[in-house]
PDB file of N, CA and C in Angstrom:
ATOM      1  N   MET A   1      -1.795  -2.524 -11.796  1.00  0.00           N
ATOM      2  CA  MET A   1      -0.409  -2.302 -11.479  1.00  0.00           C
ATOM      3  C   MET A   1      -0.362  -1.542 -10.157  1.00  0.00           C
ATOM      4  N   GLU A   2       0.377  -2.053  -9.218  1.00  0.00           N
ATOM      5  CA  GLU A   2       0.515  -1.395  -7.917  1.00  0.00           C
ATOM      6  C   GLU A   2       1.876  -0.733  -7.832  1.00  0.00           C
ATOM      7  N   VAL A   3       1.875   0.482  -7.329  1.00  0.00           N
ATOM      8  CA  VAL A   3       3.122   1.212  -7.150  1.00  0.00           C
ATOM      9  C   VAL A   3       3.299   1.458  -5.664  1.00  0.00           C
ATOM     10  N   ARG A   4       4.405   1.009  -5.122  1.00  0.00           N
ATOM     11  CA  ARG A   4       4.705   1.213  -3.707  1.00  0.00           C
ATOM     12  C   ARG A   4       5.961   2.053  -3.610  1.00  0.00           C
ATOM     13  N   VAL A   5       5.850   3.221  -3.007  1.00  0.00           N
ATOM     14  CA  VAL A   5       6.987   4.121  -2.862  1.00  0.00           C
ATOM     15  C   VAL A   5       7.373   4.160  -1.398  1.00  0.00           C
ATOM     16  N   MET A   6       8.641   3.861  -1.115  1.00  0.00           N
ATOM     17  CA  MET A   6       9.130   3.866   0.255  1.00  0.00           C
ATOM     18  C   MET A   6      10.316   4.814   0.320  1.00  0.00           C
ATOM     19  N   THR A   7      10.220   5.807   1.178  1.00  0.00           N
ATOM     20  CA  THR A   7      11.330   6.753   1.285  1.00  0.00           C
ATOM     21  C   THR A   7      11.669   7.001   2.736  1.00  0.00           C
ATOM     22  N   ASP A   8      12.872   7.396   2.964  1.00  0.00           N
ATOM     23  CA  ASP A   8      13.326   7.832   4.278  1.00  0.00           C
ATOM     24  C   ASP A   8      13.806   9.270   4.161  1.00  0.00           C
ATOM     25  N   SER A   9      13.136  10.038   3.316  1.00  0.00           N
ATOM     26  CA  SER A   9      13.583  11.402   3.068  1.00  0.00           C
ATOM     27  C   SER A   9      13.269  12.297   4.257  1.00  0.00           C
ATOM     28  N   PRO A  10      14.069  13.334   4.477  1.00  0.00           N
ATOM     29  CA  PRO A  10      13.841  14.244   5.586  1.00  0.00           C
ATOM     30  C   PRO A  10      12.520  14.983   5.473  1.00  0.00           C
ATOM     31  N   ALA A  11      11.954  15.043   4.282  1.00  0.00           N
ATOM     32  CA  ALA A  11      10.689  15.749   4.107  1.00  0.00           C
ATOM     33  C   ALA A  11       9.547  15.030   4.814  1.00  0.00           C
ATOM     34  N   GLN A  12       9.715  13.734   5.050  1.00  0.00           N
ATOM     35  CA  GLN A  12       8.694  12.983   5.753  1.00  0.00           C
ATOM     36  C   GLN A  12       9.102  12.876   7.216  1.00  0.00           C
ATOM     37  N   ASN A  13       8.269  13.377   8.096  1.00  0.00           N
ATOM     38  CA  ASN A  13       8.593  13.369   9.517  1.00  0.00           C
ATOM     39  C   ASN A  13       8.612  11.976  10.112  1.00  0.00           C
ATOM     40  N   THR A  14       7.793  11.078   9.589  1.00  0.00           N
ATOM     41  CA  THR A  14       7.701   9.745  10.174  1.00  0.00           C
ATOM     42  C   THR A  14       8.843   8.846   9.746  1.00  0.00           C
ATOM     43  N   GLY A  15       9.421   9.094   8.565  1.00  0.00           N
ATOM     44  CA  GLY A  15      10.506   8.246   8.078  1.00  0.00           C
ATOM     45  C   GLY A  15      10.036   6.868   7.670  1.00  0.00           C
ATOM     46  N   THR A  16       8.726   6.667   7.572  1.00  0.00           N
ATOM     47  CA  THR A  16       8.196   5.366   7.177  1.00  0.00           C
ATOM     48  C   THR A  16       7.721   5.416   5.745  1.00  0.00           C
ATOM     49  N   SER A  17       7.372   4.267   5.228  1.00  0.00           N
ATOM     50  CA  SER A  17       6.946   4.196   3.842  1.00  0.00           C
ATOM     51  C   SER A  17       5.529   4.724   3.687  1.00  0.00           C
ATOM     52  N   SER A  18       5.253   5.212   2.499  1.00  0.00           N
ATOM     53  CA  SER A  18       3.906   5.672   2.206  1.00  0.00           C
ATOM     54  C   SER A  18       3.042   4.477   1.841  1.00  0.00           C
ATOM     55  N   ALA A  19       1.746   4.682   1.852  1.00  0.00           N
ATOM     56  CA  ALA A  19       0.815   3.611   1.507  1.00  0.00           C
ATOM     57  C   ALA A  19       0.939   3.273   0.033  1.00  0.00           C
ATOM     58  N   PRO A  20       0.659   2.013  -0.326  1.00  0.00           N
ATOM     59  CA  PRO A  20       0.711   1.652  -1.735  1.00  0.00           C
ATOM     60  C   PRO A  20      -0.251   2.504  -2.546  1.00  0.00           C
ATOM     61  N   LYS A  21       0.158   2.818  -3.765  1.00  0.00           N
ATOM     62  CA  LYS A  21      -0.691   3.598  -4.654  1.00  0.00           C
ATOM     63  C   LYS A  21      -1.205   2.671  -5.734  1.00  0.00           C
ATOM     64  N   GLN A  22      -2.445   2.774  -6.059  1.00  0.00           N
ATOM     65  CA  GLN A  22      -3.026   1.989  -7.130  1.00  0.00           C
ATOM     66  C   GLN A  22      -3.031   2.839  -8.383  1.00  0.00           C
ATOM     67  N   ASN A  23      -2.444   2.365  -9.437  1.00  0.00           N
ATOM     68  CA  ASN A  23      -2.386   3.104 -10.684  1.00  0.00           C
ATOM     69  C   ASN A  23      -3.706   2.918 -11.414  1.00  0.00           C
ATOM     70  N   SER A  24      -4.441   3.998 -11.636  1.00  0.00           N
ATOM     71  CA  SER A  24      -5.758   3.900 -12.242  1.00  0.00           C
ATOM     72  C   SER A  24      -5.700   3.808 -13.764  1.00  0.00           C
ATOM     73  N   ASN A  25      -4.592   4.164 -14.381  1.00  0.00           N
ATOM     74  CA  ASN A  25      -4.484   4.128 -15.826  1.00  0.00           C
ATOM     75  C   ASN A  25      -3.905   2.793 -16.269  1.00  0.00           C
ATOM     76  N   ARG A  26      -4.750   1.908 -16.761  1.00  0.00           N
ATOM     77  CA  ARG A  26      -4.316   0.567 -17.160  1.00  0.00           C
ATOM     78  C   ARG A  26      -3.470   0.582 -18.426  1.00  0.00           C
ATOM     79  N   GLU A  27      -3.431   1.693 -19.153  1.00  0.00           N
ATOM     80  CA  GLU A  27      -2.658   1.790 -20.381  1.00  0.00           C
ATOM     81  C   GLU A  27      -1.234   2.266 -20.131  1.00  0.00           C
ATOM     82  N   THR A  28      -0.890   2.591 -18.903  1.00  0.00           N
ATOM     83  CA  THR A  28       0.456   3.041 -18.588  1.00  0.00           C
ATOM     84  C   THR A  28       1.432   1.886 -18.767  1.00  0.00           C
ATOM     85  N   THR A  29       2.531   2.155 -19.464  1.00  0.00           N
ATOM     86  CA  THR A  29       3.541   1.122 -19.646  1.00  0.00           C
ATOM     87  C   THR A  29       4.380   1.000 -18.374  1.00  0.00           C
ATOM     88  N   PRO A  30       5.048  -0.130 -18.175  1.00  0.00           N
ATOM     89  CA  PRO A  30       5.893  -0.282 -16.998  1.00  0.00           C
ATOM     90  C   PRO A  30       6.960   0.802 -16.873  1.00  0.00           C
ATOM     91  N   ILE A  31       7.571   1.219 -17.971  1.00  0.00           N
ATOM     92  CA  ILE A  31       8.624   2.232 -17.850  1.00  0.00           C
ATOM     93  C   ILE A  31       8.064   3.587 -17.444  1.00  0.00           C
ATOM     94  N   ILE A  32       6.894   3.930 -17.936  1.00  0.00           N
ATOM     95  CA  ILE A  32       6.262   5.187 -17.518  1.00  0.00           C
ATOM     96  C   ILE A  32       5.909   5.111 -16.037  1.00  0.00           C
ATOM     97  N   ALA A  33       5.422   3.961 -15.595  1.00  0.00           N
ATOM     98  CA  ALA A  33       5.086   3.777 -14.181  1.00  0.00           C
ATOM     99  C   ALA A  33       6.324   3.876 -13.305  1.00  0.00           C
ATOM    100  N   VAL A  34       7.454   3.335 -13.758  1.00  0.00           N
ATOM    101  CA  VAL A  34       8.706   3.413 -12.999  1.00  0.00           C
ATOM    102  C   VAL A  34       9.148   4.865 -12.856  1.00  0.00           C
ATOM    103  N   VAL A  35       9.179   5.597 -13.957  1.00  0.00           N
ATOM    104  CA  VAL A  35       9.615   6.993 -13.915  1.00  0.00           C
ATOM    105  C   VAL A  35       8.670   7.804 -13.023  1.00  0.00           C
ATOM    106  N   SER A  36       7.385   7.568 -13.118  1.00  0.00           N
ATOM    107  CA  SER A  36       6.416   8.279 -12.281  1.00  0.00           C
ATOM    108  C   SER A  36       6.605   7.950 -10.805  1.00  0.00           C
ATOM    109  N   ALA A  37       6.850   6.685 -10.492  1.00  0.00           N
ATOM    110  CA  ALA A  37       7.043   6.273  -9.095  1.00  0.00           C
ATOM    111  C   ALA A  37       8.302   6.893  -8.507  1.00  0.00           C
ATOM    112  N   VAL A  38       9.379   6.918  -9.271  1.00  0.00           N
ATOM    113  CA  VAL A  38      10.622   7.526  -8.794  1.00  0.00           C
ATOM    114  C   VAL A  38      10.445   9.038  -8.645  1.00  0.00           C
ATOM    115  N   ALA A  39       9.762   9.655  -9.579  1.00  0.00           N
ATOM    116  CA  ALA A  39       9.506  11.099  -9.475  1.00  0.00           C
ATOM    117  C   ALA A  39       8.679  11.409  -8.232  1.00  0.00           C
ATOM    118  N   ASP A  40       7.672  10.584  -7.930  1.00  0.00           N
ATOM    119  CA  ASP A  40       6.871  10.761  -6.713  1.00  0.00           C
ATOM    120  C   ASP A  40       7.753  10.647  -5.477  1.00  0.00           C
ATOM    121  N   ALA A  41       8.614   9.632  -5.462  1.00  0.00           N
ATOM    122  CA  ALA A  41       9.492   9.423  -4.310  1.00  0.00           C
ATOM    123  C   ALA A  41      10.460  10.586  -4.133  1.00  0.00           C
ATOM    124  N   ALA A  42      10.938  11.123  -5.249  1.00  0.00           N
ATOM    125  CA  ALA A  42      11.902  12.221  -5.207  1.00  0.00           C
ATOM    126  C   ALA A  42      11.228  13.577  -5.029  1.00  0.00           C
ATOM    127  N   GLY A  43       9.917  13.614  -5.195  1.00  0.00           N
ATOM    128  CA  GLY A  43       9.205  14.878  -5.088  1.00  0.00           C
ATOM    129  C   GLY A  43       9.538  15.831  -6.225  1.00  0.00           C
ATOM    130  N   THR A  44       9.677  15.271  -7.421  1.00  0.00           N
ATOM    131  CA  THR A  44      10.065  16.076  -8.579  1.00  0.00           C
ATOM    132  C   THR A  44       9.197  15.722  -9.773  1.00  0.00           C
ATOM    133  N   ASP A  45       9.327  16.495 -10.811  1.00  0.00           N
ATOM    134  CA  ASP A  45       8.632  16.241 -12.058  1.00  0.00           C
ATOM    135  C   ASP A  45       9.361  15.111 -12.793  1.00  0.00           C
ATOM    136  N   PRO A  46       8.643  14.179 -13.395  1.00  0.00           N
ATOM    137  CA  PRO A  46       9.309  13.092 -14.130  1.00  0.00           C
ATOM    138  C   PRO A  46      10.277  13.589 -15.208  1.00  0.00           C
ATOM    139  N   LEU A  47       9.993  14.732 -15.790  1.00  0.00           N
ATOM    140  CA  LEU A  47      10.874  15.266 -16.833  1.00  0.00           C
ATOM    141  C   LEU A  47      12.194  15.778 -16.282  1.00  0.00           C
ATOM    142  N   GLU A  48      12.289  15.954 -14.970  1.00  0.00           N
ATOM    143  CA  GLU A  48      13.519  16.414 -14.323  1.00  0.00           C
ATOM    144  C   GLU A  48      14.500  15.254 -14.072  1.00  0.00           C
ATOM    145  N   LEU A  49      14.008  14.013 -14.175  1.00  0.00           N
ATOM    146  CA  LEU A  49      14.859  12.844 -13.919  1.00  0.00           C
ATOM    147  C   LEU A  49      15.736  12.541 -15.123  1.00  0.00           C
ATOM    148  N   PRO A  50      16.862  11.865 -14.887  1.00  0.00           N
ATOM    149  CA  PRO A  50      17.698  11.455 -16.026  1.00  0.00           C
ATOM    150  C   PRO A  50      16.965  10.402 -16.859  1.00  0.00           C
ATOM    151  N   PRO A  51      17.384  10.190 -18.092  1.00  0.00           N
ATOM    152  CA  PRO A  51      16.733   9.163 -18.918  1.00  0.00           C
ATOM    153  C   PRO A  51      16.818   7.792 -18.248  1.00  0.00           C
ATOM    154  N   LEU A  52      15.728   7.068 -18.263  1.00  0.00           N
ATOM    155  CA  LEU A  52      15.698   5.725 -17.673  1.00  0.00           C
ATOM    156  C   LEU A  52      16.697   4.805 -18.370  1.00  0.00           C
ATOM    157  N   SER A  53      16.949   5.071 -19.637  1.00  0.00           N
ATOM    158  CA  SER A  53      17.890   4.236 -20.394  1.00  0.00           C
ATOM    159  C   SER A  53      19.309   4.316 -19.855  1.00  0.00           C
ATOM    160  N   ASN A  54      19.608   5.307 -18.987  1.00  0.00           N
ATOM    161  CA  ASN A  54      20.913   5.347 -18.323  1.00  0.00           C
ATOM    162  C   ASN A  54      21.049   4.224 -17.309  1.00  0.00           C
ATOM    163  N   ALA A  55      19.917   3.674 -16.844  1.00  0.00           N
ATOM    164  CA  ALA A  55      19.942   2.648 -15.800  1.00  0.00           C
ATOM    165  C   ALA A  55      19.588   1.256 -16.320  1.00  0.00           C
ATOM    166  N   ILE A  56      18.693   1.187 -17.296  1.00  0.00           N
ATOM    167  CA  ILE A  56      18.192  -0.104 -17.767  1.00  0.00           C
ATOM    168  C   ILE A  56      17.594   0.077 -19.155  1.00  0.00           C
ATOM    169  N   ASN A  57      17.490  -0.994 -19.901  1.00  0.00           N
ATOM    170  CA  ASN A  57      16.879  -0.942 -21.222  1.00  0.00           C
ATOM    171  C   ASN A  57      15.353  -0.866 -21.055  1.00  0.00           C
ATOM    172  N   PRO A  58      14.760   0.289 -21.311  1.00  0.00           N
ATOM    173  CA  PRO A  58      13.318   0.442 -21.110  1.00  0.00           C
ATOM    174  C   PRO A  58      12.470  -0.515 -21.943  1.00  0.00           C
ATOM    175  N   GLU A  59      12.877  -0.775 -23.171  1.00  0.00           N
ATOM    176  CA  GLU A  59      12.116  -1.689 -24.023  1.00  0.00           C
ATOM    177  C   GLU A  59      12.112  -3.096 -23.442  1.00  0.00           C
ATOM    178  N   ALA A  60      13.238  -3.516 -22.876  1.00  0.00           N
ATOM    179  CA  ALA A  60      13.307  -4.842 -22.267  1.00  0.00           C
ATOM    180  C   ALA A  60      12.369  -4.935 -21.070  1.00  0.00           C
ATOM    181  N   VAL A  61      12.304  -3.860 -20.265  1.00  0.00           N
ATOM    182  CA  VAL A  61      11.395  -3.852 -19.119  1.00  0.00           C
ATOM    183  C   VAL A  61       9.960  -3.978 -19.612  1.00  0.00           C
ATOM    184  N   ASN A  62       9.581  -3.207 -20.609  1.00  0.00           N
ATOM    185  CA  ASN A  62       8.225  -3.303 -21.151  1.00  0.00           C
ATOM    186  C   ASN A  62       7.930  -4.689 -21.699  1.00  0.00           C
ATOM    187  N   ASP A  63       8.913  -5.306 -22.346  1.00  0.00           N
ATOM    188  CA  ASP A  63       8.713  -6.639 -22.907  1.00  0.00           C
ATOM    189  C   ASP A  63       8.581  -7.708 -21.822  1.00  0.00           C
ATOM    190  N   LEU A  64       9.363  -7.569 -20.743  1.00  0.00           N
ATOM    191  CA  LEU A  64       9.364  -8.586 -19.697  1.00  0.00           C
ATOM    192  C   LEU A  64       8.237  -8.433 -18.691  1.00  0.00           C
ATOM    193  N   VAL A  65       7.805  -7.208 -18.468  1.00  0.00           N
ATOM    194  CA  VAL A  65       6.802  -6.937 -17.441  1.00  0.00           C
ATOM    195  C   VAL A  65       5.479  -6.626 -18.128  1.00  0.00           C
ATOM    196  N   ASP A  66       4.530  -7.493 -17.933  1.00  0.00           N
ATOM    197  CA  ASP A  66       3.207  -7.291 -18.518  1.00  0.00           C
ATOM    198  C   ASP A  66       2.185  -7.878 -17.575  1.00  0.00           C
ATOM    199  N   CYS A  67       1.360  -7.009 -16.964  1.00  0.00           N
ATOM    200  CA  CYS A  67       0.394  -7.478 -15.974  1.00  0.00           C
ATOM    201  C   CYS A  67      -0.741  -8.266 -16.624  1.00  0.00           C
ATOM    202  N   ARG A  68      -0.830  -8.281 -17.957  1.00  0.00           N
ATOM    203  CA  ARG A  68      -1.896  -9.028 -18.635  1.00  0.00           C
ATOM    204  C   ARG A  68      -1.491 -10.462 -18.945  1.00  0.00           C
ATOM    205  N   ARG A  69      -0.220 -10.763 -18.866  1.00  0.00           N
ATOM    206  CA  ARG A  69       0.239 -12.126 -19.161  1.00  0.00           C
ATOM    207  C   ARG A  69       1.383 -12.492 -18.233  1.00  0.00           C
ATOM    208  N   SER A  70       1.599 -13.764 -18.064  1.00  0.00           N
ATOM    209  CA  SER A  70       2.678 -14.221 -17.200  1.00  0.00           C
ATOM    210  C   SER A  70       3.904 -14.519 -18.047  1.00  0.00           C
ATOM    211  N   SER A  71       5.009 -13.839 -17.738  1.00  0.00           N
ATOM    212  CA  SER A  71       6.242 -14.085 -18.474  1.00  0.00           C
ATOM    213  C   SER A  71       7.152 -15.039 -17.711  1.00  0.00           C
ATOM    214  N   GLY A  72       6.736 -15.412 -16.493  1.00  0.00           N
ATOM    215  CA  GLY A  72       7.574 -16.246 -15.651  1.00  0.00           C
ATOM    216  C   GLY A  72       8.604 -15.440 -14.877  1.00  0.00           C
ATOM    217  N   LEU A  73       8.652 -14.145 -15.119  1.00  0.00           N
ATOM    218  CA  LEU A  73       9.598 -13.265 -14.444  1.00  0.00           C
ATOM    219  C   LEU A  73       9.108 -12.977 -13.036  1.00  0.00           C
ATOM    220  N   GLU A  74       9.982 -13.186 -12.054  1.00  0.00           N
ATOM    221  CA  GLU A  74       9.616 -12.859 -10.685  1.00  0.00           C
ATOM    222  C   GLU A  74       9.767 -11.368 -10.431  1.00  0.00           C
ATOM    223  N   SER A  75      10.940 -10.813 -10.746  1.00  0.00           N
ATOM    224  CA  SER A  75      11.137  -9.372 -10.585  1.00  0.00           C
ATOM    225  C   SER A  75      12.424  -8.927 -11.267  1.00  0.00           C
ATOM    226  N   ILE A  76      12.490  -7.624 -11.511  1.00  0.00           N
ATOM    227  CA  ILE A  76      13.685  -6.961 -12.028  1.00  0.00           C
ATOM    228  C   ILE A  76      14.039  -5.899 -10.998  1.00  0.00           C
ATOM    229  N   SER A  77      15.308  -5.782 -10.653  1.00  0.00           N
ATOM    230  CA  SER A  77      15.712  -4.719  -9.735  1.00  0.00           C
ATOM    231  C   SER A  77      16.888  -3.963 -10.334  1.00  0.00           C
ATOM    232  N   PHE A  78      16.887  -2.652 -10.110  1.00  0.00           N
ATOM    233  CA  PHE A  78      17.939  -1.799 -10.626  1.00  0.00           C
ATOM    234  C   PHE A  78      17.925  -0.491  -9.856  1.00  0.00           C
ATOM    235  N   GLU A  79      19.000   0.275 -10.007  1.00  0.00           N
ATOM    236  CA  GLU A  79      19.087   1.591  -9.378  1.00  0.00           C
ATOM    237  C   GLU A  79      18.820   2.644 -10.440  1.00  0.00           C
ATOM    238  N   TYR A  80      18.018   3.646 -10.065  1.00  0.00           N
ATOM    239  CA  TYR A  80      17.684   4.721 -10.996  1.00  0.00           C
ATOM    240  C   TYR A  80      17.521   6.020 -10.223  1.00  0.00           C
ATOM    241  N   ALA A  81      18.286   7.009 -10.580  1.00  0.00           N
ATOM    242  CA  ALA A  81      18.187   8.367 -10.031  1.00  0.00           C
ATOM    243  C   ALA A  81      18.276   8.390  -8.506  1.00  0.00           C
ATOM    244  N   GLY A  82      19.121   7.532  -7.942  1.00  0.00           N
ATOM    245  CA  GLY A  82      19.310   7.507  -6.493  1.00  0.00           C
ATOM    246  C   GLY A  82      18.295   6.665  -5.748  1.00  0.00           C
ATOM    247  N   TYR A  83      17.543   5.843  -6.466  1.00  0.00           N
ATOM    248  CA  TYR A  83      16.535   4.985  -5.846  1.00  0.00           C
ATOM    249  C   TYR A  83      16.716   3.549  -6.322  1.00  0.00           C
ATOM    250  N   ASP A  84      16.453   2.618  -5.425  1.00  0.00           N
ATOM    251  CA  ASP A  84      16.424   1.202  -5.781  1.00  0.00           C
ATOM    252  C   ASP A  84      15.004   0.901  -6.235  1.00  0.00           C
ATOM    253  N   VAL A  85      14.884   0.318  -7.413  1.00  0.00           N
ATOM    254  CA  VAL A  85      13.585   0.029  -8.003  1.00  0.00           C
ATOM    255  C   VAL A  85      13.459  -1.475  -8.195  1.00  0.00           C
ATOM    256  N   VAL A  86      12.326  -2.028  -7.765  1.00  0.00           N
ATOM    257  CA  VAL A  86      12.017  -3.433  -7.996  1.00  0.00           C
ATOM    258  C   VAL A  86      10.682  -3.479  -8.729  1.00  0.00           C
ATOM    259  N   VAL A  87      10.683  -4.111  -9.898  1.00  0.00           N
ATOM    260  CA  VAL A  87       9.472  -4.256 -10.689  1.00  0.00           C
ATOM    261  C   VAL A  87       9.169  -5.741 -10.776  1.00  0.00           C
ATOM    262  N   SER A  88       7.991  -6.137 -10.295  1.00  0.00           N
ATOM    263  CA  SER A  88       7.618  -7.552 -10.355  1.00  0.00           C
ATOM    264  C   SER A  88       7.145  -7.906 -11.755  1.00  0.00           C
ATOM    265  N   GLY A  89       7.076  -9.182 -12.033  1.00  0.00           N
ATOM    266  CA  GLY A  89       6.619  -9.655 -13.333  1.00  0.00           C
ATOM    267  C   GLY A  89       5.191  -9.255 -13.638  1.00  0.00           C
ATOM    268  N   THR A  90       4.409  -8.963 -12.613  1.00  0.00           N
ATOM    269  CA  THR A  90       3.024  -8.532 -12.821  1.00  0.00           C
ATOM    270  C   THR A  90       2.887  -7.020 -12.906  1.00  0.00           C
ATOM    271  N   GLY A  91       4.008  -6.294 -12.747  1.00  0.00           N
ATOM    272  CA  GLY A  91       3.981  -4.852 -12.907  1.00  0.00           C
ATOM    273  C   GLY A  91       3.961  -4.056 -11.626  1.00  0.00           C
ATOM    274  N   ASP A  92       3.969  -4.706 -10.458  1.00  0.00           N
ATOM    275  CA  ASP A  92       4.036  -3.972  -9.200  1.00  0.00           C
ATOM    276  C   ASP A  92       5.417  -3.340  -9.081  1.00  0.00           C
ATOM    277  N   ILE A  93       5.456  -2.109  -8.570  1.00  0.00           N
ATOM    278  CA  ILE A  93       6.713  -1.371  -8.481  1.00  0.00           C
ATOM    279  C   ILE A  93       6.962  -0.949  -7.056  1.00  0.00           C
ATOM    280  N   GLN A  94       8.187  -1.206  -6.572  1.00  0.00           N
ATOM    281  CA  GLN A  94       8.602  -0.776  -5.246  1.00  0.00           C
ATOM    282  C   GLN A  94       9.820   0.117  -5.417  1.00  0.00           C
ATOM    283  N   VAL A  95       9.774   1.299  -4.791  1.00  0.00           N
ATOM    284  CA  VAL A  95      10.864   2.271  -4.900  1.00  0.00           C
ATOM    285  C   VAL A  95      11.343   2.609  -3.496  1.00  0.00           C
ATOM    286  N   THR A  96      12.656   2.466  -3.252  1.00  0.00           N
ATOM    287  CA  THR A  96      13.236   2.850  -1.982  1.00  0.00           C
ATOM    288  C   THR A  96      14.484   3.690  -2.260  1.00  0.00           C
ATOM    289  N   GLN A  97      14.740   4.638  -1.403  1.00  0.00           N
ATOM    290  CA  GLN A  97      15.904   5.493  -1.572  1.00  0.00           C
ATOM    291  C   GLN A  97      17.168   4.663  -1.387  1.00  0.00           C
ATOM    292  N   SER A  98      18.123   4.806  -2.319  1.00  0.00           N
ATOM    293  CA  SER A  98      19.395   4.083  -2.222  1.00  0.00           C
ATOM    294  C   SER A  98      20.174   4.573  -1.019  1.00  0.00           C
ATOM    295  N   GLU A  99      20.942   3.681  -0.467  1.00  0.00           N
ATOM    296  CA  GLU A  99      21.763   4.059   0.706  1.00  0.00           C
ATOM    297  C   GLU A  99      23.157   4.389   0.303  1.00  0.00           C
TER     298      GLU A  99
END
């Protein structure tokens, strides 16, 4: 599962996206990976974020996104905690700050 976090936050002097991060824990579920990626982008603890269920059905994301099998899903996109999140059918995650 690849996690790509892109931010234009003032904390980053370059204003460019960070390098893709490779998730080393293969047992991480897609929803945990999403919350972790958004927390990284926001520079906060994942427990400080609002519940993911406020933005999307977490169980549906886990059911649709599975890097071990092909569901035919190209991607899911939604807004969560001020960030636009795109999760591919293979589990890759892209996070960009909402405008």
